[in-house]
Protein backbone atom coordinates (compact mmCIF):
# COMPACT_ATOMS: atom_id res chain seq x y z
CA MET A 1 80.67 54.41 68.96
CA PHE A 2 78.94 56.79 71.40
CA GLU A 3 77.94 53.88 73.61
CA ARG A 4 81.50 52.56 73.82
CA PHE A 5 83.13 55.90 74.46
CA PHE A 6 80.59 57.59 76.75
CA ARG A 7 79.06 54.43 78.32
CA LEU A 8 75.52 55.70 77.85
CA ALA A 9 73.69 52.59 79.03
CA GLU A 10 75.81 52.38 82.17
CA ASN A 11 74.79 55.95 83.01
CA GLY A 12 71.11 55.36 82.21
CA THR A 13 70.88 57.65 79.20
CA SER A 14 70.67 57.58 75.38
CA VAL A 15 72.01 59.50 72.40
CA ARG A 16 68.68 61.34 71.97
CA THR A 17 68.57 62.34 75.64
CA GLU A 18 72.16 63.57 75.55
CA LEU A 19 71.52 65.60 72.39
CA ILE A 20 68.51 67.31 73.97
CA ALA A 21 70.45 67.93 77.19
CA GLY A 22 73.36 69.46 75.26
CA LEU A 23 71.02 71.79 73.33
CA THR A 24 69.26 72.77 76.57
CA THR A 25 72.49 73.71 78.34
CA PHE A 26 73.77 75.59 75.30
CA LEU A 27 70.61 77.70 75.12
CA THR A 28 70.92 78.64 78.79
CA MET A 29 74.61 79.64 78.60
CA SER A 30 74.94 80.95 75.03
CA TYR A 31 74.33 84.52 76.21
CA ILE A 32 78.06 84.60 76.98
CA ILE A 33 78.90 84.90 73.25
CA PHE A 34 77.18 88.29 73.29
CA VAL A 35 78.05 89.47 76.82
CA ASN A 36 81.74 88.55 76.96
CA PRO A 37 82.80 90.56 73.87
CA GLU A 38 80.76 93.49 75.20
CA ILE A 39 82.65 93.46 78.51
CA LEU A 40 86.17 92.70 77.27
CA SER A 41 86.00 95.16 74.37
CA THR A 42 85.89 98.00 76.95
CA THR A 43 89.60 97.28 77.53
CA GLY A 44 90.50 98.05 73.93
CA MET A 45 90.45 94.41 72.82
CA ASP A 46 89.07 93.79 69.34
CA ARG A 47 85.40 92.87 69.83
CA ASP A 48 85.23 90.47 66.86
CA ALA A 49 88.39 88.68 67.98
CA VAL A 50 87.00 88.33 71.51
CA PHE A 51 83.80 86.89 70.03
CA VAL A 52 85.82 84.22 68.22
CA ALA A 53 88.01 83.57 71.27
CA THR A 54 84.89 83.19 73.42
CA CYS A 55 83.31 80.63 71.08
CA ILE A 56 86.52 78.63 70.61
CA ALA A 57 87.43 78.71 74.32
CA ALA A 58 83.92 77.53 75.24
CA ALA A 59 84.03 74.80 72.58
CA LEU A 60 87.51 73.67 73.58
CA GLY A 61 86.74 73.66 77.30
CA SER A 62 83.47 71.76 76.83
CA ALA A 63 85.15 69.24 74.52
CA VAL A 64 87.93 68.59 77.05
CA MET A 65 85.29 68.10 79.75
CA ALA A 66 83.50 65.65 77.47
CA LEU A 67 86.49 63.61 76.35
CA VAL A 68 88.61 63.66 79.51
CA ALA A 69 86.04 63.61 82.32
CA ASN A 70 82.93 62.28 80.50
CA TRP A 71 80.80 64.75 82.47
CA PRO A 72 77.78 66.71 81.10
CA ILE A 73 79.15 70.13 82.02
CA GLY A 74 79.60 73.08 79.68
CA MET A 75 82.59 75.42 79.90
CA ALA A 76 82.92 79.07 78.83
CA PRO A 77 84.53 82.35 79.95
CA GLY A 78 83.14 83.03 83.41
CA MET A 79 80.90 85.89 84.45
CA GLY A 80 82.48 87.93 87.22
CA LEU A 81 85.99 87.02 86.18
CA ASN A 82 85.52 88.85 82.88
CA ALA A 83 84.23 91.90 84.79
CA PHE A 84 87.22 91.74 87.16
CA PHE A 85 89.51 91.48 84.12
CA ALA A 86 87.99 94.50 82.37
CA PHE A 87 86.82 96.88 85.07
CA THR A 88 89.34 96.25 87.84
CA VAL A 89 92.61 95.01 86.33
CA VAL A 90 92.51 97.17 83.19
CA ALA A 91 90.17 100.11 83.90
CA ALA A 92 90.85 100.71 87.60
CA LEU A 93 94.43 99.47 88.05
CA GLY A 94 95.62 100.68 84.66
CA PHE A 95 97.29 97.54 83.34
CA SER A 96 97.07 96.66 79.65
CA TRP A 97 94.73 93.91 78.47
CA GLN A 98 97.82 92.02 77.28
CA GLN A 99 99.19 92.01 80.82
CA ALA A 100 95.77 90.97 82.13
CA LEU A 101 95.78 88.01 79.73
CA GLY A 102 99.24 87.14 80.99
CA ALA A 103 97.88 87.14 84.54
CA VAL A 104 95.07 84.78 83.44
CA PHE A 105 97.65 82.46 81.85
CA ILE A 106 99.81 82.39 85.00
CA SER A 107 96.76 81.80 87.20
CA GLY A 108 95.77 78.94 84.88
CA VAL A 109 99.19 77.32 85.18
CA ILE A 110 99.04 77.70 88.98
CA PHE A 111 95.53 76.26 88.87
CA VAL A 112 96.75 73.19 86.98
CA ILE A 113 99.59 72.68 89.49
CA LEU A 114 97.22 73.06 92.44
CA THR A 115 94.87 70.51 90.88
CA VAL A 116 97.53 67.93 90.03
CA THR A 117 99.21 68.17 93.44
CA GLY A 118 95.95 68.03 95.39
CA VAL A 119 96.48 71.48 96.95
CA ARG A 120 93.25 72.66 95.30
CA SER A 121 91.24 70.20 97.38
CA TRP A 122 93.10 71.35 100.50
CA LEU A 123 92.28 74.99 99.73
CA ILE A 124 88.60 74.26 99.15
CA ALA A 125 88.37 72.31 102.39
CA GLY A 126 90.06 75.12 104.29
CA ILE A 127 88.11 78.16 103.14
CA PRO A 128 85.09 78.88 105.38
CA HIS A 129 81.73 78.05 103.84
CA SER A 130 80.40 81.50 104.75
CA LEU A 131 83.18 83.23 102.82
CA ARG A 132 82.68 80.99 99.80
CA SER A 133 79.01 81.92 99.70
CA ALA A 134 79.77 85.61 100.24
CA ILE A 135 82.28 85.64 97.38
CA ALA A 136 79.63 84.41 94.94
CA ALA A 137 77.08 86.92 96.25
CA GLY A 138 79.61 89.75 96.18
CA ILE A 139 80.48 89.02 92.57
CA GLY A 140 76.75 89.12 91.89
CA LEU A 141 76.52 92.61 93.44
CA PHE A 142 79.56 93.66 91.40
CA LEU A 143 77.91 92.44 88.19
CA GLY A 144 74.71 94.18 89.26
CA ILE A 145 76.25 97.65 89.51
CA ILE A 146 78.04 97.13 86.18
CA ALA A 147 74.74 96.11 84.56
CA LEU A 148 72.84 99.09 85.98
CA LYS A 149 75.60 101.46 84.86
CA ASN A 150 75.65 99.98 81.34
CA ALA A 151 71.88 100.29 81.15
CA GLY A 152 71.97 103.96 82.15
CA ILE A 153 69.81 103.24 85.19
CA VAL A 154 72.60 104.12 87.64
CA VAL A 155 74.64 107.21 86.78
CA ASP A 156 77.39 109.31 88.31
CA ASN A 157 76.25 111.97 90.77
CA PRO A 158 78.82 114.41 92.23
CA ALA A 159 76.74 114.94 95.37
CA THR A 160 75.85 111.35 96.21
CA LEU A 161 78.40 109.33 94.14
CA VAL A 162 75.59 107.50 92.33
CA GLY A 163 72.08 108.44 91.27
CA LEU A 164 69.14 107.34 89.16
CA GLY A 165 69.43 107.85 85.41
CA ASP A 166 66.80 109.22 83.05
CA LEU A 167 64.29 106.39 82.77
CA LYS A 168 62.50 108.20 79.94
CA GLN A 169 65.39 107.45 77.59
CA THR A 170 65.09 104.57 75.14
CA GLY A 171 68.15 102.67 76.39
CA PRO A 172 67.16 102.33 80.07
CA LEU A 173 63.58 101.48 79.08
CA LEU A 174 64.83 98.70 76.79
CA ALA A 175 67.03 97.35 79.58
CA VAL A 176 64.12 97.29 82.04
CA PHE A 177 61.95 95.54 79.45
CA GLY A 178 64.70 92.98 78.79
CA PHE A 179 65.03 92.18 82.49
CA PHE A 180 61.30 91.53 82.81
CA VAL A 181 61.31 89.33 79.69
CA ILE A 182 64.14 87.20 81.08
CA ALA A 183 62.66 86.95 84.58
CA VAL A 184 59.15 86.07 83.39
CA LEU A 185 60.35 83.46 80.89
CA ASP A 186 62.68 81.90 83.46
CA ALA A 187 59.84 81.77 86.01
CA LEU A 188 57.77 79.97 83.37
CA ARG A 189 60.71 77.56 82.87
CA VAL A 190 61.26 78.56 79.24
CA ARG A 191 64.61 77.27 78.06
CA GLY A 192 67.04 79.89 76.85
CA SER A 193 65.22 82.72 78.65
CA ILE A 194 68.35 84.87 78.95
CA LEU A 195 69.20 84.44 75.27
CA ILE A 196 65.60 85.23 74.27
CA GLY A 197 65.69 88.39 76.38
CA ILE A 198 68.92 89.56 74.77
CA LEU A 199 67.57 88.95 71.26
CA ALA A 200 64.21 90.60 72.05
CA VAL A 201 65.87 93.82 73.24
CA THR A 202 68.29 93.71 70.30
CA VAL A 203 65.44 93.56 67.78
CA LEU A 204 63.64 96.43 69.55
CA SER A 205 66.86 98.46 69.55
CA TRP A 206 67.06 98.02 65.77
CA ILE A 207 63.46 99.13 65.39
CA THR A 208 63.93 102.19 67.60
CA GLY A 209 67.25 103.13 66.04
CA VAL A 210 69.38 102.63 69.16
CA SER A 211 71.58 100.20 67.22
CA THR A 212 71.87 98.92 63.66
CA PHE A 213 71.48 95.45 62.18
CA ASN A 214 74.79 94.32 60.67
CA GLY A 215 73.61 90.99 59.27
CA LEU A 216 73.09 87.48 60.56
CA VAL A 217 75.63 85.03 59.13
CA ALA A 218 79.18 85.44 57.86
CA MET A 219 82.51 83.71 57.91
CA PRO A 220 84.16 83.96 61.33
CA PRO A 221 86.28 87.07 61.94
CA SER A 222 90.00 86.75 62.60
CA VAL A 223 91.15 85.91 66.12
CA ALA A 224 94.61 87.30 65.33
CA PRO A 225 94.17 90.61 67.26
CA THR A 226 93.98 88.66 70.55
CA PHE A 227 95.58 85.29 69.75
CA LEU A 228 98.87 84.82 71.63
CA GLN A 229 98.87 88.53 72.53
CA LEU A 230 99.28 87.88 76.25
CA ASP A 231 102.14 89.62 78.03
CA ILE A 232 103.43 87.07 80.56
CA VAL A 233 106.54 89.05 81.48
CA GLY A 234 104.45 92.17 82.06
CA ALA A 235 102.06 90.12 84.21
CA LEU A 236 104.90 89.39 86.61
CA HIS A 237 104.91 93.10 87.51
CA SER A 238 104.63 93.53 91.28
CA GLY A 239 101.24 95.20 91.01
CA LEU A 240 99.74 92.15 89.33
CA VAL A 241 100.78 89.64 91.99
CA HIS A 242 97.61 90.14 93.98
CA VAL A 243 95.57 90.11 90.76
CA ILE A 244 96.88 86.63 90.00
CA LEU A 245 96.02 85.62 93.57
CA VAL A 246 92.44 86.82 93.10
CA PHE A 247 92.11 85.02 89.75
CA VAL A 248 93.28 81.78 91.36
CA LEU A 249 91.00 82.12 94.40
CA VAL A 250 87.87 82.94 92.41
CA GLU A 251 88.63 80.20 89.88
CA VAL A 252 89.09 77.70 92.70
CA PHE A 253 85.81 78.55 94.43
CA ASP A 254 83.66 79.18 91.36
CA ALA A 255 84.71 76.26 89.18
CA THR A 256 85.02 73.69 91.96
CA GLY A 257 81.71 74.63 93.53
CA THR A 258 79.93 74.46 90.18
CA LEU A 259 81.49 71.13 89.24
CA ILE A 260 80.60 69.49 92.53
CA GLY A 261 77.11 70.99 92.64
CA VAL A 262 76.12 69.95 89.12
CA ALA A 263 77.80 66.55 89.44
CA LYS A 264 75.89 65.80 92.63
CA ARG A 265 72.62 66.70 90.91
CA ALA A 266 73.52 64.27 88.12
CA LYS A 267 74.49 61.65 90.75
CA LEU A 268 78.02 61.50 89.34
CA ILE A 269 79.48 61.90 92.82
CA GLU A 270 78.18 59.41 95.35
CA GLU A 271 79.59 58.53 98.74
CA GLY A 272 81.90 55.50 98.64
CA LYS A 273 81.90 55.20 94.85
CA PRO A 274 84.70 56.15 92.43
CA ASN A 275 84.13 59.31 90.41
CA ARG A 276 85.84 61.48 87.80
CA LEU A 277 86.03 64.68 89.83
CA GLY A 278 89.82 64.74 89.52
CA ARG A 279 89.63 64.57 85.73
CA ALA A 280 86.93 67.25 85.66
CA LEU A 281 89.04 69.55 87.82
CA LEU A 282 92.02 69.04 85.51
CA ALA A 283 89.86 69.72 82.44
CA ASP A 284 88.64 73.08 83.70
CA SER A 285 92.17 74.03 84.81
CA ALA A 286 93.57 73.36 81.34
CA ALA A 287 90.72 75.35 79.75
CA ILE A 288 91.85 78.52 81.57
CA VAL A 289 95.32 78.29 80.01
CA ALA A 290 93.85 77.69 76.54
CA GLY A 291 91.46 80.63 76.88
CA SER A 292 94.24 83.04 77.80
CA LEU A 293 96.18 82.00 74.69
CA LEU A 294 93.12 82.61 72.50
CA GLY A 295 92.43 86.00 74.08
CA THR A 296 89.69 85.78 76.69
CA SER A 297 89.32 85.89 80.46
CA SER A 298 89.23 82.76 82.61
CA THR A 299 87.14 79.85 81.37
CA THR A 300 85.10 78.02 83.97
CA ALA A 301 82.38 75.41 84.46
CA TYR A 302 78.87 76.84 84.03
CA VAL A 303 76.18 76.34 86.64
CA GLU A 304 73.68 76.53 83.75
CA SER A 305 74.80 72.96 83.02
CA ALA A 306 72.27 71.98 85.67
CA SER A 307 69.54 72.64 83.10
CA GLY A 308 71.00 69.96 80.83
CA VAL A 309 71.29 67.56 83.75
CA GLN A 310 67.63 68.25 84.51
CA ALA A 311 66.88 67.31 80.89
CA GLY A 312 68.61 63.95 81.40
CA GLY A 313 72.24 64.62 80.49
CA ARG A 314 74.60 62.27 82.30
CA THR A 315 77.72 61.86 80.14
CA GLY A 316 80.31 63.77 78.16
CA LEU A 317 78.16 63.49 75.04
CA THR A 318 76.10 66.36 76.45
CA ALA A 319 79.26 68.48 76.78
CA LEU A 320 80.38 67.47 73.28
CA VAL A 321 77.08 68.74 71.84
CA ILE A 322 77.65 72.03 73.67
CA ALA A 323 81.12 72.27 72.15
CA ILE A 324 79.81 71.69 68.63
CA LEU A 325 77.09 74.33 69.04
CA PHE A 326 79.65 76.91 70.23
CA LEU A 327 81.73 76.20 67.13
CA ALA A 328 78.62 76.67 64.98
CA SER A 329 78.09 80.04 66.69
CA LEU A 330 81.29 81.33 65.07
CA PHE A 331 79.26 82.02 61.95
CA ILE A 332 76.88 84.55 63.58
CA SER A 333 79.47 87.26 64.25
CA PRO A 334 77.44 89.99 62.45
CA LEU A 335 74.54 89.32 64.81
CA ALA A 336 76.84 89.39 67.83
CA GLY A 337 78.21 92.73 66.68
CA SER A 338 74.69 94.12 66.39
CA VAL A 339 73.82 93.48 70.05
CA PRO A 340 73.84 96.77 72.02
CA THR A 341 74.86 97.30 75.64
CA TYR A 342 71.22 97.79 76.56
CA ALA A 343 70.52 94.20 75.50
CA THR A 344 73.31 92.56 77.49
CA ALA A 345 72.81 94.70 80.63
CA PRO A 346 69.54 92.99 81.68
CA ALA A 347 71.19 89.58 81.24
CA LEU A 348 74.02 90.70 83.52
CA LEU A 349 71.53 92.03 86.07
CA TYR A 350 69.52 88.82 86.07
CA VAL A 351 72.61 86.64 86.53
CA ALA A 352 73.64 88.99 89.35
CA GLY A 353 70.31 88.44 91.07
CA LEU A 354 70.65 84.67 90.85
CA MET A 355 74.09 84.84 92.44
CA MET A 356 72.70 86.76 95.42
CA ARG A 357 70.87 83.68 96.69
CA GLU A 358 74.22 82.38 97.94
CA LEU A 359 73.78 84.67 100.95
CA THR A 360 71.20 82.24 102.32
CA GLU A 361 74.07 79.81 102.95
CA VAL A 362 75.74 82.17 105.44
CA ASP A 363 75.27 81.42 109.15
CA TRP A 364 73.90 84.81 110.19
CA ASP A 365 73.55 83.75 113.84
CA GLN A 366 77.33 83.52 114.22
CA LEU A 367 78.82 87.03 114.18
CA THR A 368 82.35 85.85 113.42
CA GLU A 369 80.98 84.12 110.30
CA ALA A 370 78.35 86.68 109.30
CA ALA A 371 80.39 89.90 109.60
CA PRO A 372 83.28 88.81 107.29
CA ALA A 373 80.73 87.44 104.80
CA ALA A 374 78.79 90.70 104.78
CA ILE A 375 81.96 92.77 104.42
CA THR A 376 83.14 90.57 101.52
CA ALA A 377 79.90 91.05 99.60
CA ILE A 378 79.56 94.79 100.35
CA ILE A 379 83.13 95.84 99.55
CA MET A 380 83.12 94.35 96.03
CA PRO A 381 80.54 96.70 94.44
CA PHE A 382 81.35 99.76 96.58
CA THR A 383 85.08 99.69 95.76
CA TYR A 384 84.41 98.33 92.27
CA SER A 385 86.81 95.47 92.95
CA ILE A 386 86.42 91.75 93.57
CA ALA A 387 90.00 91.75 94.88
CA ASN A 388 89.21 94.24 97.63
CA GLY A 389 86.17 92.24 98.69
CA LEU A 390 88.23 89.08 99.03
CA ALA A 391 90.94 90.92 100.96
CA PHE A 392 88.59 92.54 103.46
CA GLY A 393 86.70 89.28 103.91
CA PHE A 394 89.68 87.03 104.60
CA ILE A 395 91.46 89.53 106.85
CA SER A 396 88.34 90.31 108.90
CA TYR A 397 87.59 86.59 109.30
CA VAL A 398 91.02 85.88 110.76
CA VAL A 399 90.97 88.96 113.00
CA LEU A 400 87.48 88.27 114.40
CA LYS A 401 88.17 84.59 115.01
CA ALA A 402 91.55 85.31 116.62
CA PHE A 403 90.32 88.03 119.01
CA THR A 404 87.25 86.06 120.10
CA GLY A 405 89.29 83.04 121.06
CA LYS A 406 88.25 80.91 118.10
CA TRP A 407 91.70 80.22 116.68
CA ARG A 408 90.77 76.61 115.98
CA ASP A 409 88.22 77.79 113.39
CA ILE A 410 91.02 79.33 111.29
CA HIS A 411 92.25 76.84 108.71
CA PRO A 412 95.90 77.31 107.58
CA ALA A 413 94.68 78.01 104.04
CA THR A 414 92.52 80.90 105.26
CA LEU A 415 95.38 82.30 107.36
CA ILE A 416 97.81 82.13 104.44
CA VAL A 417 95.42 83.95 102.10
CA ALA A 418 94.73 86.64 104.73
CA VAL A 419 98.46 87.21 105.29
CA LEU A 420 99.05 87.50 101.54
CA PHE A 421 96.39 90.20 101.30
CA VAL A 422 97.88 92.09 104.26
CA ILE A 423 101.25 92.02 102.49
CA ARG A 424 99.55 93.30 99.35
CA PHE A 425 98.05 96.32 101.15
CA ALA A 426 101.29 97.01 103.04
CA PHE A 427 103.80 96.79 100.23
CA PHE A 428 102.08 96.86 96.83
CA ALA A 429 100.31 100.02 95.76
CA GLU A 430 97.52 99.66 93.26
């Protein structure tokens, strides 16, 4: 049955190889079942319901990727987008989490339309490579400051805005220890290093009394507190228009870049040969809509899927295994509820560091490319907003290119996005 449906022999793989690849990818991305509820619960969302929504959204997205595209790529709520959802849309801009979910839903519908009509490909082709790289790095910096704040390593300082926390406290020390555990294990190529780091700090937090152990296994909590709680009408509020724009832009760059990158590594996209990229793009678009209905931020393709590809995964059977393992994770809600902020902070910080390597893709010798990229990455953490980083980056790119006589470098897609952000600053107050 597996051979007929997934065409294993044609792709040079086997059931055993696909099972191992699926387990490998799951171990590298399963930290999201602990981190996502931690982030989204800061908005007032029920933590247990978010845990369930995270597992189901990841399982559903991965299953769609498996059955529709037959690609070995895992899906789950995306890092960066969940931080934007919680800390910018809700905390900074003051919208309710229901309205934020409505914005995710609308962005998902737009995403599906862009994919089906082919506009998504046009957008990707039109956005400068330097800005794409800077967006990823900027989100990494944004995650980094959130992680350091959650760990108590960076604290508020009236004189200097930010300062160093008390490193003698148990929480910051645990976070530092967790970061080193993750980094060392990953350097030694230990699978599931991020998950191991989270669990190691969690156990130490129980021992030191920072948090309490609530149990290991139980029936899944109810998803009712977040299921179908999105406020679509409220999301159409004028102040959320630019939020939807940011969701769409980040989803386009993040998901598409990940899909193409992992697929190329698996040799699923080869010049002159037919591929299933269109189906994969549609699968991840549909997953965003499903996630918003369940009660979580945007679902996206995970770059950690590259670990499963490295283990030999070549078909949707790998993604199907990932989906099944996420469903099995529903039964460890007591453990997920026992994980303290100090355990998830080092995972966030490590992921942030990995995202920073995107800056190497920027052409630093070309000022009109380098300056907008640098501004994009810098503005995100210092204004605590991914949206502001995108706005400053796109606008500065168009201005610098235009006033240095390089109009031909400005793709219509870039110009349109820049104009939309100018309109946002001019007419829509945050």
